[in-house]
């Protein structure tokens, strides 16, 4: 097999920490990836990866080869782009992840614009309400809501969102509007466990933090389901501001306890750091940064 191809497969598997993740990233079958790694190890006469039932790790002997291979691949990609010219059109496959509703409302329109702008590109969107490890899942770009842990990822801030308590005007007319977080005890609560899995709602007021343990009458695992039930006047819920912004603007929902909102949560676009980021990643990240920073619901 071609040596550069084998290096590319090895780097993909090493970064993903699994053969399946490397295969998804490269658009190859897992058996083909396994054969490529075996061929590379046979060529070099050294074991590059330690395999377990759950993941693979680069061996001590393979770590230097991994670092050198990643550097070489980056330089080859850079040489290809330089030869094609700075205005060369991105081509290939891009894998993107974001929370479900955020992906629907903000990322999907950006992907459509990107694909219309670059006909040689293909994009896969993985929209999940959990934090996805980009390397393990073979992903190129992600959107993160909340504070970021230290990592090797490059993170670009694009906005903020808030935690908003809201209910329908009909419900508030029937049950009254809560004036303080303590008033929630006498209200019917709709809980989206993807946002507040412990049913502890944190509030801030006059530099003081208050935690209220709510007991939901309805608990769902979908933000959209919580919005639907709340719009139908069933109770009070708490979601992120961008998720309920269209419904508040349409008069279907009304925000309450606005003076007790906790600090805003940052929104970042993240991708692997390094000067060798491919043209397809750079162009997509630049497009999404511009779109998200101009979105009124992320201010």
Protein backbone atom coordinates (compact mmCIF):
# COMPACT_ATOMS: atom_id res chain seq x y z
CA UNK A 1 0.00 0.00 0.00
CA UNK A 2 1.00 3.63 -0.49
CA UNK A 3 3.12 4.76 2.47
CA UNK A 4 1.40 8.14 2.83
CA UNK A 5 -1.99 6.42 2.83
CA UNK A 6 -0.83 4.11 5.62
CA UNK A 7 0.45 7.08 7.62
CA UNK A 8 -2.88 8.82 7.18
CA UNK A 9 -4.79 5.78 8.43
CA UNK A 10 -2.46 5.40 11.41
CA UNK A 11 -2.84 9.05 12.41
CA UNK A 12 -6.64 8.88 12.08
CA UNK A 13 -6.83 5.79 14.31
CA UNK A 14 -4.36 7.22 16.81
CA UNK A 15 -6.27 10.50 17.11
CA UNK A 16 -9.67 8.81 17.31
CA UNK A 17 -8.49 6.20 19.79
CA UNK A 18 -10.36 3.50 17.90
CA UNK A 19 -10.40 1.72 14.56
CA UNK A 20 -14.10 2.53 14.13
CA UNK A 21 -13.53 6.24 14.75
CA UNK A 22 -10.60 6.33 12.33
CA UNK A 23 -12.69 4.49 9.75
CA UNK A 24 -15.57 7.00 10.05
CA UNK A 25 -13.21 9.91 9.73
CA UNK A 26 -11.62 8.51 6.57
CA UNK A 27 -14.78 7.08 5.04
CA UNK A 28 -13.26 3.58 5.06
CA UNK A 29 -14.55 0.26 6.38
CA UNK A 30 -13.12 -0.93 9.75
CA UNK A 31 -11.63 -4.08 8.14
CA UNK A 32 -9.80 -1.93 5.58
CA UNK A 33 -8.40 0.23 8.38
CA UNK A 34 -7.29 -2.86 10.31
CA UNK A 35 -5.49 -4.22 7.22
CA UNK A 36 -3.76 -0.88 6.66
CA UNK A 37 -2.46 -0.73 10.24
CA UNK A 38 -1.25 -4.34 10.02
CA UNK A 39 0.54 -3.57 6.74
CA UNK A 40 2.22 -0.49 8.27
CA UNK A 41 3.36 -2.41 11.35
CA UNK A 42 4.71 -5.20 9.10
CA UNK A 43 6.56 -2.65 6.95
CA UNK A 44 8.15 -0.98 9.99
CA UNK A 45 8.65 -4.14 12.02
CA UNK A 46 7.31 -2.50 15.16
CA UNK A 47 4.03 -2.52 17.08
CA UNK A 48 2.41 0.90 16.78
CA UNK A 49 -0.85 0.42 18.68
CA UNK A 50 -1.97 -1.34 21.83
CA UNK A 51 -5.45 -2.74 21.31
CA UNK A 52 -8.16 -3.44 23.93
CA UNK A 53 -11.85 -4.25 23.56
CA UNK A 54 -12.76 -0.58 24.10
CA UNK A 55 -10.00 1.53 22.56
CA UNK A 56 -6.53 1.62 21.07
CA UNK A 57 -3.54 3.62 22.26
CA UNK A 58 -0.30 4.52 20.52
CA UNK A 59 2.63 2.50 21.90
CA UNK A 60 5.75 4.14 23.23
CA UNK A 61 7.60 3.07 20.10
CA UNK A 62 4.76 4.35 17.93
CA UNK A 63 4.46 7.77 19.56
CA UNK A 64 7.40 9.35 17.72
CA UNK A 65 6.23 7.84 14.44
CA UNK A 66 2.75 9.21 15.18
CA UNK A 67 4.10 12.73 15.77
CA UNK A 68 6.30 12.60 12.67
CA UNK A 69 3.50 11.14 10.53
CA UNK A 70 1.06 13.86 11.61
CA UNK A 71 3.63 16.55 10.84
CA UNK A 72 4.38 15.02 7.43
CA UNK A 73 0.70 14.76 6.51
CA UNK A 74 0.16 18.38 7.52
CA UNK A 75 3.09 19.49 5.36
CA UNK A 76 1.81 17.47 2.40
CA UNK A 77 -1.65 19.01 2.77
CA UNK A 78 -0.08 22.45 2.99
CA UNK A 79 1.98 21.76 -0.13
CA UNK A 80 -1.12 20.61 -2.01
CA UNK A 81 -2.99 23.76 -1.06
CA UNK A 82 -0.04 25.96 -1.99
CA UNK A 83 0.24 24.27 -5.38
CA UNK A 84 -3.48 24.65 -6.00
CA UNK A 85 -3.35 28.29 -5.01
CA UNK A 86 -4.72 30.25 -2.09
CA UNK A 87 -8.16 30.48 -3.73
CA UNK A 88 -8.42 26.76 -4.46
CA UNK A 89 -11.88 25.43 -3.73
CA UNK A 90 -12.20 23.13 -0.69
CA UNK A 91 -13.10 19.56 -1.51
CA UNK A 92 -13.71 16.36 0.39
CA UNK A 93 -15.74 15.47 3.49
CA UNK A 94 -16.35 17.47 6.67
CA UNK A 95 -17.87 16.10 9.89
CA UNK A 96 -19.57 18.59 12.23
CA UNK A 97 -21.27 18.26 15.63
CA UNK A 98 -23.57 20.49 17.72
CA UNK A 99 -26.46 20.22 20.21
CA UNK A 100 -29.71 19.08 18.57
CA UNK A 101 -31.73 22.31 18.54
CA UNK A 102 -28.66 24.47 18.01
CA UNK A 103 -27.76 22.28 15.06
CA UNK A 104 -31.24 22.64 13.60
CA UNK A 105 -31.52 26.39 14.14
CA UNK A 106 -27.99 27.64 13.45
CA UNK A 107 -25.60 24.99 12.13
CA UNK A 108 -27.78 23.39 9.44
CA UNK A 109 -28.40 26.73 7.66
CA UNK A 110 -24.63 27.32 7.78
CA UNK A 111 -23.96 23.87 6.33
CA UNK A 112 -26.41 24.52 3.50
CA UNK A 113 -24.71 27.83 2.68
CA UNK A 114 -21.31 26.12 2.82
CA UNK A 115 -22.37 23.31 0.48
CA UNK A 116 -23.91 25.79 -1.95
CA UNK A 117 -20.70 27.81 -1.91
CA UNK A 118 -18.40 24.79 -2.32
CA UNK A 119 -19.95 22.14 -4.62
CA UNK A 120 -16.99 19.75 -4.20
CA UNK A 121 -17.66 19.36 -0.46
CA UNK A 122 -19.77 16.85 1.48
CA UNK A 123 -20.82 17.35 5.12
CA UNK A 124 -22.03 15.01 7.88
CA UNK A 125 -23.83 16.57 10.86
CA UNK A 126 -23.91 14.77 14.22
CA UNK A 127 -26.43 16.59 16.41
CA UNK A 128 -26.59 15.30 19.99
CA UNK A 129 -27.36 16.85 23.38
CA UNK A 130 -24.15 15.55 24.90
CA UNK A 131 -20.51 16.54 24.65
CA UNK A 132 -18.87 14.63 21.80
CA UNK A 133 -15.13 13.98 21.71
CA UNK A 134 -14.08 15.24 18.29
CA UNK A 135 -11.01 13.02 18.07
CA UNK A 136 -12.72 9.84 19.23
CA UNK A 137 -15.68 10.36 16.90
CA UNK A 138 -13.56 11.42 13.92
CA UNK A 139 -15.14 14.89 13.76
CA UNK A 140 -13.62 18.07 12.35
CA UNK A 141 -15.62 20.94 13.89
CA UNK A 142 -17.96 21.26 16.87
CA UNK A 143 -20.08 23.82 18.69
CA UNK A 144 -19.82 23.88 22.49
CA UNK A 145 -22.18 25.65 24.92
CA UNK A 146 -20.75 26.31 28.37
CA UNK A 147 -17.31 26.67 29.90
CA UNK A 148 -14.62 24.65 28.12
CA UNK A 149 -12.11 22.34 29.80
CA UNK A 150 -8.47 22.70 28.85
CA UNK A 151 -7.75 20.73 25.68
CA UNK A 152 -5.75 20.69 22.49
CA UNK A 153 -8.70 22.15 20.62
CA UNK A 154 -8.76 25.62 19.14
CA UNK A 155 -11.82 27.46 20.50
CA UNK A 156 -13.31 30.65 19.05
CA UNK A 157 -15.97 32.50 21.03
CA UNK A 158 -19.05 33.37 18.97
CA UNK A 159 -21.67 34.44 21.51
CA UNK A 160 -23.56 33.70 24.72
CA UNK A 161 -26.83 32.13 25.81
CA UNK A 162 -28.85 32.37 29.02
CA UNK A 163 -30.92 29.98 31.12
CA UNK A 164 -34.50 31.21 30.83
CA UNK A 165 -37.51 30.25 32.94
CA UNK A 166 -40.68 30.62 30.93
CA UNK A 167 -44.35 29.68 30.63
CA UNK A 168 -47.28 30.39 28.34
CA UNK A 169 -49.34 33.54 28.93
CA UNK A 170 -52.40 31.31 29.49
CA UNK A 171 -50.66 29.36 32.25
CA UNK A 172 -49.42 32.52 33.98
CA UNK A 173 -52.90 34.04 33.84
CA UNK A 174 -54.34 30.89 35.38
CA UNK A 175 -51.66 30.13 38.00
CA UNK A 176 -50.00 33.50 38.55
CA UNK A 177 -46.46 34.70 37.79
CA UNK A 178 -43.66 33.61 40.15
CA UNK A 179 -41.89 36.59 41.71
CA UNK A 180 -38.97 34.73 43.31
CA UNK A 181 -37.39 31.30 42.73
CA UNK A 182 -39.05 30.05 45.93
CA UNK A 183 -42.44 30.54 44.27
CA UNK A 184 -41.68 27.67 41.90
CA UNK A 185 -42.67 25.26 44.66
CA UNK A 186 -46.34 25.97 43.99
CA UNK A 187 -46.05 25.70 40.20
CA UNK A 188 -46.27 22.80 37.76
CA UNK A 189 -42.76 22.23 36.40
CA UNK A 190 -41.83 20.74 33.03
CA UNK A 191 -38.26 19.44 33.15
CA UNK A 192 -35.98 18.79 30.21
CA UNK A 193 -33.40 16.43 31.66
CA UNK A 194 -30.91 17.20 28.87
CA UNK A 195 -30.57 20.71 30.30
CA UNK A 196 -31.04 20.19 34.06
CA UNK A 197 -30.66 16.45 34.78
CA UNK A 198 -30.46 16.87 38.58
CA UNK A 199 -33.61 19.04 38.85
CA UNK A 200 -31.54 21.68 40.69
CA UNK A 201 -32.12 25.13 39.22
CA UNK A 202 -29.48 27.71 40.11
CA UNK A 203 -30.39 31.40 40.31
CA UNK A 204 -28.36 34.56 40.99
CA UNK A 205 -29.53 37.86 42.48
CA UNK A 206 -27.65 40.68 44.23
CA UNK A 207 -24.38 38.70 44.13
CA UNK A 208 -26.12 35.81 45.93
CA UNK A 209 -26.64 32.34 44.45
CA UNK A 210 -29.75 30.32 45.21
CA UNK A 211 -30.37 26.68 44.31
CA UNK A 212 -33.95 25.46 44.06
CA UNK A 213 -34.73 21.74 43.90
CA UNK A 214 -37.75 21.45 41.60
CA UNK A 215 -40.05 18.45 41.45
CA UNK A 216 -41.36 18.12 37.89
CA UNK A 217 -44.80 16.82 37.05
CA UNK A 218 -43.49 16.17 33.54
CA UNK A 219 -39.90 15.17 32.80
CA UNK A 220 -38.79 14.65 29.20
CA UNK A 221 -35.49 13.98 27.46
CA UNK A 222 -36.21 16.30 24.55
CA UNK A 223 -36.02 20.09 24.65
CA UNK A 224 -38.59 20.27 21.87
CA UNK A 225 -41.02 18.17 23.93
CA UNK A 226 -40.57 20.50 26.91
CA UNK A 227 -41.26 23.50 24.68
CA UNK A 228 -44.37 21.84 23.22
CA UNK A 229 -45.83 21.03 26.64
CA UNK A 230 -45.09 24.51 27.96
CA UNK A 231 -46.56 26.25 24.91
CA UNK A 232 -49.72 24.21 25.52
CA UNK A 233 -50.03 25.81 28.95
CA UNK A 234 -49.09 22.79 31.05
CA UNK A 235 -46.51 24.47 33.27
CA UNK A 236 -43.21 26.29 33.69
CA UNK A 237 -39.92 25.15 32.20
CA UNK A 238 -36.32 26.34 31.99
CA UNK A 239 -34.35 26.13 28.77
CA UNK A 240 -31.58 28.01 27.01
CA UNK A 241 -32.48 31.39 25.57
CA UNK A 242 -31.89 30.47 21.91
CA UNK A 243 -34.19 27.44 22.25
CA UNK A 244 -37.21 29.49 23.33
CA UNK A 245 -36.44 32.79 21.57
CA UNK A 246 -38.76 32.12 18.57
CA UNK A 247 -41.63 31.18 20.89
CA UNK A 248 -41.12 34.23 23.10
CA UNK A 249 -41.01 36.45 20.02
CA UNK A 250 -44.25 34.88 18.76
CA UNK A 251 -45.98 35.44 22.11
CA UNK A 252 -46.36 31.71 22.81
CA UNK A 253 -44.09 31.89 25.84
CA UNK A 254 -43.15 34.59 28.34
CA UNK A 255 -39.90 34.76 30.32
CA UNK A 256 -40.23 35.02 34.12
CA UNK A 257 -37.77 35.46 36.99
CA UNK A 258 -35.52 37.42 34.61
CA UNK A 259 -33.93 39.26 37.54
CA UNK A 260 -32.66 35.94 38.90
CA UNK A 261 -30.93 34.56 35.83
CA UNK A 262 -27.48 33.02 36.49
CA UNK A 263 -24.43 34.18 34.47
CA UNK A 264 -24.53 33.68 30.72
CA UNK A 265 -23.00 30.61 29.10
CA UNK A 266 -20.38 31.09 26.35
CA UNK A 267 -20.74 29.54 22.91
CA UNK A 268 -17.60 28.41 21.06
CA UNK A 269 -16.74 26.89 17.71
CA UNK A 270 -14.00 24.32 18.31
CA UNK A 271 -11.63 22.47 16.01
CA UNK A 272 -8.21 20.90 16.22
CA UNK A 273 -5.53 23.48 16.78
CA UNK A 274 -2.53 23.90 14.51
CA UNK A 275 -1.29 25.82 11.53
CA UNK A 276 -2.00 22.86 9.27
CA UNK A 277 -5.79 23.08 9.55
CA UNK A 278 -7.13 22.11 6.15
CA UNK A 279 -8.81 24.54 3.79
CA UNK A 280 -12.14 22.77 4.23
CA UNK A 281 -12.00 23.27 8.01
CA UNK A 282 -10.79 26.87 7.81
CA UNK A 283 -13.48 27.91 5.35
CA UNK A 284 -16.28 26.25 7.31
CA UNK A 285 -15.10 27.67 10.64
CA UNK A 286 -14.83 31.17 9.15
CA UNK A 287 -18.34 30.91 7.72
CA UNK A 288 -19.85 29.68 10.99
CA UNK A 289 -18.06 32.32 13.07
CA UNK A 290 -19.50 35.08 10.89
CA UNK A 291 -23.01 33.61 10.99
CA UNK A 292 -23.09 32.93 14.72
CA UNK A 293 -21.58 36.25 15.76
CA UNK A 294 -24.30 38.03 13.78
CA UNK A 295 -27.16 35.96 15.26
CA UNK A 296 -29.33 38.18 17.51
CA UNK A 297 -30.28 35.25 19.78
CA UNK A 298 -26.62 34.64 20.71
CA UNK A 299 -25.81 38.14 21.93
